[in-house]
Amino acid sequence: MEAALPDLDRYSPHQKLQLLERLLNDLSARGVLPPSTLMMMAADVMELEYREDDDLLCFQCLDHEMDGE
């Protein structure tokens, strides 16, 4: 029996961004999502206009990438 996916309508936009952050970090940690793809997705998400720094996503595997630049 497959687990049911959560009902996304009940989440606020901020909660949806947090869920996206956790999912992408998990996929990257498991090797499903290559770092280059994660970096492209992070750049696209960061182009969105946020009003507060708390809304920004933190992609764990990019921490070491940013240190080298």
PDB file of N, CA and C in Angstrom:
ATOM      1  N   MET A   1       0.845  -1.182   0.000  1.00  0.00           N
ATOM      2  CA  MET A   1       0.000   0.000   0.000  1.00  0.00           C
ATOM      3  C   MET A   1       0.891   1.246   0.000  1.00  0.00           C
ATOM      4  N   GLU A   2       0.637   2.143  -0.930  1.00  0.00           N
ATOM      5  CA  GLU A   2       1.417   3.363  -1.040  1.00  0.00           C
ATOM      6  C   GLU A   2       0.945   4.387  -0.011  1.00  0.00           C
ATOM      7  N   ALA A   3       1.912   5.132   0.519  1.00  0.00           N
ATOM      8  CA  ALA A   3       1.561   6.200   1.457  1.00  0.00           C
ATOM      9  C   ALA A   3       0.924   7.346   0.692  1.00  0.00           C
ATOM     10  N   ALA A   4      -0.081   7.946   1.290  1.00  0.00           N
ATOM     11  CA  ALA A   4      -0.755   9.084   0.666  1.00  0.00           C
ATOM     12  C   ALA A   4       0.124  10.318   0.777  1.00  0.00           C
ATOM     13  N   LEU A   5       0.147  11.112  -0.273  1.00  0.00           N
ATOM     14  CA  LEU A   5       0.881  12.370  -0.251  1.00  0.00           C
ATOM     15  C   LEU A   5       0.085  13.406   0.534  1.00  0.00           C
ATOM     16  N   PRO A   6       0.783  14.361   1.155  1.00  0.00           N
ATOM     17  CA  PRO A   6       0.055  15.370   1.941  1.00  0.00           C
ATOM     18  C   PRO A   6      -0.781  16.278   1.039  1.00  0.00           C
ATOM     19  N   ASP A   7      -1.847  16.806   1.617  1.00  0.00           N
ATOM     20  CA  ASP A   7      -2.708  17.748   0.919  1.00  0.00           C
ATOM     21  C   ASP A   7      -2.034  19.118   0.951  1.00  0.00           C
ATOM     22  N   LEU A   8      -1.492  19.556  -0.177  1.00  0.00           N
ATOM     23  CA  LEU A   8      -0.717  20.796  -0.227  1.00  0.00           C
ATOM     24  C   LEU A   8      -1.575  22.046  -0.032  1.00  0.00           C
ATOM     25  N   ASP A   9      -2.869  21.938  -0.246  1.00  0.00           N
ATOM     26  CA  ASP A   9      -3.745  23.103  -0.086  1.00  0.00           C
ATOM     27  C   ASP A   9      -3.766  23.621   1.348  1.00  0.00           C
ATOM     28  N   ARG A  10      -3.457  22.762   2.296  1.00  0.00           N
ATOM     29  CA  ARG A  10      -3.519  23.189   3.696  1.00  0.00           C
ATOM     30  C   ARG A  10      -2.250  23.923   4.149  1.00  0.00           C
ATOM     31  N   TYR A  11      -1.218  23.956   3.304  1.00  0.00           N
ATOM     32  CA  TYR A  11       0.039  24.601   3.655  1.00  0.00           C
ATOM     33  C   TYR A  11       0.088  26.036   3.138  1.00  0.00           C
ATOM     34  N   SER A  12       0.723  26.897   3.914  1.00  0.00           N
ATOM     35  CA  SER A  12       0.942  28.277   3.478  1.00  0.00           C
ATOM     36  C   SER A  12       2.074  28.281   2.453  1.00  0.00           C
ATOM     37  N   PRO A  13       2.231  29.364   1.695  1.00  0.00           N
ATOM     38  CA  PRO A  13       3.350  29.438   0.747  1.00  0.00           C
ATOM     39  C   PRO A  13       4.713  29.230   1.433  1.00  0.00           C
ATOM     40  N   HIS A  14       4.880  29.794   2.622  1.00  0.00           N
ATOM     41  CA  HIS A  14       6.141  29.627   3.356  1.00  0.00           C
ATOM     42  C   HIS A  14       6.366  28.156   3.716  1.00  0.00           C
ATOM     43  N   GLN A  15       5.324  27.469   4.154  1.00  0.00           N
ATOM     44  CA  GLN A  15       5.449  26.051   4.489  1.00  0.00           C
ATOM     45  C   GLN A  15       5.757  25.218   3.244  1.00  0.00           C
ATOM     46  N   LYS A  16       5.188  25.599   2.114  1.00  0.00           N
ATOM     47  CA  LYS A  16       5.471  24.886   0.866  1.00  0.00           C
ATOM     48  C   LYS A  16       6.936  25.054   0.473  1.00  0.00           C
ATOM     49  N   LEU A  17       7.495  26.255   0.666  1.00  0.00           N
ATOM     50  CA  LEU A  17       8.912  26.472   0.384  1.00  0.00           C
ATOM     51  C   LEU A  17       9.790  25.637   1.317  1.00  0.00           C
ATOM     52  N   GLN A  18       9.386  25.533   2.573  1.00  0.00           N
ATOM     53  CA  GLN A  18      10.142  24.709   3.510  1.00  0.00           C
ATOM     54  C   GLN A  18      10.086  23.238   3.103  1.00  0.00           C
ATOM     55  N   LEU A  19       8.935  22.787   2.654  1.00  0.00           N
ATOM     56  CA  LEU A  19       8.790  21.412   2.186  1.00  0.00           C
ATOM     57  C   LEU A  19       9.649  21.171   0.954  1.00  0.00           C
ATOM     58  N   LEU A  20       9.661  22.119   0.034  1.00  0.00           N
ATOM     59  CA  LEU A  20      10.496  22.020  -1.157  1.00  0.00           C
ATOM     60  C   LEU A  20      11.968  21.931  -0.764  1.00  0.00           C
ATOM     61  N   GLU A  21      12.372  22.748   0.172  1.00  0.00           N
ATOM     62  CA  GLU A  21      13.754  22.735   0.664  1.00  0.00           C
ATOM     63  C   GLU A  21      14.133  21.358   1.206  1.00  0.00           C
ATOM     64  N   ARG A  22      13.280  20.800   2.036  1.00  0.00           N
ATOM     65  CA  ARG A  22      13.567  19.483   2.630  1.00  0.00           C
ATOM     66  C   ARG A  22      13.605  18.386   1.573  1.00  0.00           C
ATOM     67  N   LEU A  23      12.671  18.428   0.636  1.00  0.00           N
ATOM     68  CA  LEU A  23      12.638  17.411  -0.416  1.00  0.00           C
ATOM     69  C   LEU A  23      13.880  17.464  -1.303  1.00  0.00           C
ATOM     70  N   LEU A  24      14.259  18.665  -1.723  1.00  0.00           N
ATOM     71  CA  LEU A  24      15.425  18.796  -2.595  1.00  0.00           C
ATOM     72  C   LEU A  24      16.710  18.418  -1.875  1.00  0.00           C
ATOM     73  N   ASN A  25      16.845  18.833  -0.611  1.00  0.00           N
ATOM     74  CA  ASN A  25      18.026  18.448   0.157  1.00  0.00           C
ATOM     75  C   ASN A  25      18.099  16.936   0.333  1.00  0.00           C
ATOM     76  N   ASP A  26      16.966  16.300   0.572  1.00  0.00           N
ATOM     77  CA  ASP A  26      16.930  14.854   0.745  1.00  0.00           C
ATOM     78  C   ASP A  26      17.306  14.140  -0.556  1.00  0.00           C
ATOM     79  N   LEU A  27      16.738  14.580  -1.664  1.00  0.00           N
ATOM     80  CA  LEU A  27      17.055  13.967  -2.960  1.00  0.00           C
ATOM     81  C   LEU A  27      18.538  14.133  -3.298  1.00  0.00           C
ATOM     82  N   SER A  28      19.090  15.269  -2.959  1.00  0.00           N
ATOM     83  CA  SER A  28      20.510  15.502  -3.212  1.00  0.00           C
ATOM     84  C   SER A  28      21.373  14.615  -2.326  1.00  0.00           C
ATOM     85  N   ALA A  29      21.020  14.515  -1.052  1.00  0.00           N
ATOM     86  CA  ALA A  29      21.788  13.687  -0.108  1.00  0.00           C
ATOM     87  C   ALA A  29      21.771  12.216  -0.523  1.00  0.00           C
ATOM     88  N   ARG A  30      20.692  11.767  -1.146  1.00  0.00           N
ATOM     89  CA  ARG A  30      20.570  10.364  -1.575  1.00  0.00           C
ATOM     90  C   ARG A  30      21.193  10.125  -2.954  1.00  0.00           C
ATOM     91  N   GLY A  31      21.684  11.178  -3.581  1.00  0.00           N
ATOM     92  CA  GLY A  31      22.319  11.035  -4.882  1.00  0.00           C
ATOM     93  C   GLY A  31      21.355  10.973  -6.050  1.00  0.00           C
ATOM     94  N   VAL A  32      20.083  11.247  -5.792  1.00  0.00           N
ATOM     95  CA  VAL A  32      19.073  11.229  -6.851  1.00  0.00           C
ATOM     96  C   VAL A  32      19.156  12.496  -7.693  1.00  0.00           C
ATOM     97  N   LEU A  33      19.465  13.600  -7.050  1.00  0.00           N
ATOM     98  CA  LEU A  33      19.520  14.900  -7.690  1.00  0.00           C
ATOM     99  C   LEU A  33      20.973  15.363  -7.739  1.00  0.00           C
ATOM    100  N   PRO A  34      21.556  15.498  -8.926  1.00  0.00           N
ATOM    101  CA  PRO A  34      22.951  15.928  -9.015  1.00  0.00           C
ATOM    102  C   PRO A  34      23.127  17.365  -8.512  1.00  0.00           C
ATOM    103  N   PRO A  35      24.303  17.675  -7.963  1.00  0.00           N
ATOM    104  CA  PRO A  35      24.556  19.024  -7.456  1.00  0.00           C
ATOM    105  C   PRO A  35      24.328  20.114  -8.511  1.00  0.00           C
ATOM    106  N   SER A  36      24.645  19.835  -9.762  1.00  0.00           N
ATOM    107  CA  SER A  36      24.453  20.847 -10.806  1.00  0.00           C
ATOM    108  C   SER A  36      22.970  21.177 -10.993  1.00  0.00           C
ATOM    109  N   THR A  37      22.118  20.175 -10.913  1.00  0.00           N
ATOM    110  CA  THR A  37      20.677  20.397 -11.037  1.00  0.00           C
ATOM    111  C   THR A  37      20.160  21.160  -9.829  1.00  0.00           C
ATOM    112  N   LEU A  38      20.644  20.781  -8.647  1.00  0.00           N
ATOM    113  CA  LEU A  38      20.230  21.477  -7.435  1.00  0.00           C
ATOM    114  C   LEU A  38      20.644  22.946  -7.504  1.00  0.00           C
ATOM    115  N   MET A  39      21.827  23.212  -8.008  1.00  0.00           N
ATOM    116  CA  MET A  39      22.312  24.589  -8.106  1.00  0.00           C
ATOM    117  C   MET A  39      21.435  25.394  -9.066  1.00  0.00           C
ATOM    118  N   MET A  40      21.058  24.811 -10.203  1.00  0.00           N
ATOM    119  CA  MET A  40      20.186  25.508 -11.151  1.00  0.00           C
ATOM    120  C   MET A  40      18.823  25.792 -10.525  1.00  0.00           C
ATOM    121  N   MET A  41      18.292  24.816  -9.810  1.00  0.00           N
ATOM    122  CA  MET A  41      16.994  25.007  -9.166  1.00  0.00           C
ATOM    123  C   MET A  41      17.074  26.066  -8.077  1.00  0.00           C
ATOM    124  N   ALA A  42      18.166  26.062  -7.319  1.00  0.00           N
ATOM    125  CA  ALA A  42      18.344  27.051  -6.259  1.00  0.00           C
ATOM    126  C   ALA A  42      18.408  28.452  -6.856  1.00  0.00           C
ATOM    127  N   ALA A  43      19.110  28.601  -7.961  1.00  0.00           N
ATOM    128  CA  ALA A  43      19.212  29.909  -8.612  1.00  0.00           C
ATOM    129  C   ALA A  43      17.836  30.389  -9.070  1.00  0.00           C
ATOM    130  N   ASP A  44      17.048  29.486  -9.628  1.00  0.00           N
ATOM    131  CA  ASP A  44      15.698  29.860 -10.071  1.00  0.00           C
ATOM    132  C   ASP A  44      14.832  30.287  -8.893  1.00  0.00           C
ATOM    133  N   VAL A  45      14.912  29.539  -7.795  1.00  0.00           N
ATOM    134  CA  VAL A  45      14.102  29.871  -6.623  1.00  0.00           C
ATOM    135  C   VAL A  45      14.547  31.196  -6.028  1.00  0.00           C
ATOM    136  N   MET A  46      15.854  31.420  -6.006  1.00  0.00           N
ATOM    137  CA  MET A  46      16.366  32.657  -5.408  1.00  0.00           C
ATOM    138  C   MET A  46      16.009  33.892  -6.231  1.00  0.00           C
ATOM    139  N   GLU A  47      15.624  33.718  -7.472  1.00  0.00           N
ATOM    140  CA  GLU A  47      15.189  34.845  -8.300  1.00  0.00           C
ATOM    141  C   GLU A  47      13.830  35.382  -7.858  1.00  0.00           C
ATOM    142  N   LEU A  48      13.098  34.569  -7.121  1.00  0.00           N
ATOM    143  CA  LEU A  48      11.809  35.038  -6.610  1.00  0.00           C
ATOM    144  C   LEU A  48      12.049  36.185  -5.632  1.00  0.00           C
ATOM    145  N   GLU A  49      11.153  37.114  -5.579  1.00  0.00           N
ATOM    146  CA  GLU A  49      11.314  38.251  -4.668  1.00  0.00           C
ATOM    147  C   GLU A  49      10.757  37.878  -3.301  1.00  0.00           C
ATOM    148  N   TYR A  50      11.660  37.902  -2.309  1.00  0.00           N
ATOM    149  CA  TYR A  50      11.263  37.633  -0.936  1.00  0.00           C
ATOM    150  C   TYR A  50      11.313  38.921  -0.140  1.00  0.00           C
ATOM    151  N   ARG A  51      10.432  39.056   0.816  1.00  0.00           N
ATOM    152  CA  ARG A  51      10.402  40.252   1.652  1.00  0.00           C
ATOM    153  C   ARG A  51      11.238  40.086   2.913  1.00  0.00           C
ATOM    154  N   GLU A  52      11.448  38.843   3.346  1.00  0.00           N
ATOM    155  CA  GLU A  52      12.205  38.585   4.561  1.00  0.00           C
ATOM    156  C   GLU A  52      13.257  37.532   4.286  1.00  0.00           C
ATOM    157  N   ASP A  53      14.416  37.674   4.903  1.00  0.00           N
ATOM    158  CA  ASP A  53      15.492  36.701   4.740  1.00  0.00           C
ATOM    159  C   ASP A  53      15.082  35.319   5.235  1.00  0.00           C
ATOM    160  N   ASP A  54      14.143  35.248   6.181  1.00  0.00           N
ATOM    161  CA  ASP A  54      13.706  33.961   6.716  1.00  0.00           C
ATOM    162  C   ASP A  54      13.063  33.088   5.649  1.00  0.00           C
ATOM    163  N   ASP A  55      12.610  33.709   4.566  1.00  0.00           N
ATOM    164  CA  ASP A  55      11.932  32.961   3.511  1.00  0.00           C
ATOM    165  C   ASP A  55      12.900  32.279   2.552  1.00  0.00           C
ATOM    166  N   LEU A  56      14.187  32.610   2.618  1.00  0.00           N
ATOM    167  CA  LEU A  56      15.141  32.032   1.685  1.00  0.00           C
ATOM    168  C   LEU A  56      15.399  30.568   2.022  1.00  0.00           C
ATOM    169  N   LEU A  57      15.595  29.790   1.004  1.00  0.00           N
ATOM    170  CA  LEU A  57      15.866  28.371   1.190  1.00  0.00           C
ATOM    171  C   LEU A  57      17.348  28.148   1.418  1.00  0.00           C
ATOM    172  N   CYS A  58      17.676  27.101   2.132  1.00  0.00           N
ATOM    173  CA  CYS A  58      19.066  26.755   2.391  1.00  0.00           C
ATOM    174  C   CYS A  58      19.306  25.355   1.826  1.00  0.00           C
ATOM    175  N   PHE A  59      20.092  25.274   0.785  1.00  0.00           N
ATOM    176  CA  PHE A  59      20.402  23.990   0.175  1.00  0.00           C
ATOM    177  C   PHE A  59      21.730  23.500   0.735  1.00  0.00           C
ATOM    178  N   GLN A  60      21.676  22.420   1.491  1.00  0.00           N
ATOM    179  CA  GLN A  60      22.828  21.933   2.238  1.00  0.00           C
ATOM    180  C   GLN A  60      24.025  21.630   1.364  1.00  0.00           C
ATOM    181  N   CYS A  61      23.837  21.009   0.225  1.00  0.00           N
ATOM    182  CA  CYS A  61      24.974  20.597  -0.570  1.00  0.00           C
ATOM    183  C   CYS A  61      25.649  21.777  -1.271  1.00  0.00           C
ATOM    184  N   LEU A  62      25.006  22.944  -1.283  1.00  0.00           N
ATOM    185  CA  LEU A  62      25.613  24.107  -1.928  1.00  0.00           C
ATOM    186  C   LEU A  62      26.518  24.887  -0.988  1.00  0.00           C
ATOM    187  N   ASP A  63      26.493  24.564   0.308  1.00  0.00           N
ATOM    188  CA  ASP A  63      27.320  25.288   1.264  1.00  0.00           C
ATOM    189  C   ASP A  63      28.782  25.234   0.870  1.00  0.00           C
ATOM    190  N   HIS A  64      29.279  24.065   0.507  1.00  0.00           N
ATOM    191  CA  HIS A  64      30.687  23.943   0.136  1.00  0.00           C
ATOM    192  C   HIS A  64      30.958  24.558  -1.233  1.00  0.00           C
ATOM    193  N   GLU A  65      29.977  24.576  -2.108  1.00  0.00           N
ATOM    194  CA  GLU A  65      30.132  25.190  -3.433  1.00  0.00           C
ATOM    195  C   GLU A  65      30.329  26.700  -3.291  1.00  0.00           C
ATOM    196  N   MET A  66      29.574  27.314  -2.402  1.00  0.00           N
ATOM    197  CA  MET A  66      29.631  28.761  -2.234  1.00  0.00           C
ATOM    198  C   MET A  66      30.923  29.179  -1.539  1.00  0.00           C
ATOM    199  N   ASP A  67      31.474  28.332  -0.670  1.00  0.00           N
ATOM    200  CA  ASP A  67      32.719  28.651   0.026  1.00  0.00           C
ATOM    201  C   ASP A  67      33.879  28.783  -0.934  1.00  0.00           C
ATOM    202  N   GLY A  68      33.845  28.013  -2.023  1.00  0.00           N
ATOM    203  CA  GLY A  68      34.939  28.003  -2.984  1.00  0.00           C
ATOM    204  C   GLY A  68      34.918  29.174  -3.940  1.00  0.00           C
ATOM    205  N   GLU A  69      33.848  29.921  -3.986  1.00  0.00           N
ATOM    206  CA  GLU A  69      33.733  31.032  -4.943  1.00  0.00           C
ATOM    207  C   GLU A  69      34.165  32.335  -4.325  1.00  0.00           C
TER     208      GLU A  69
END
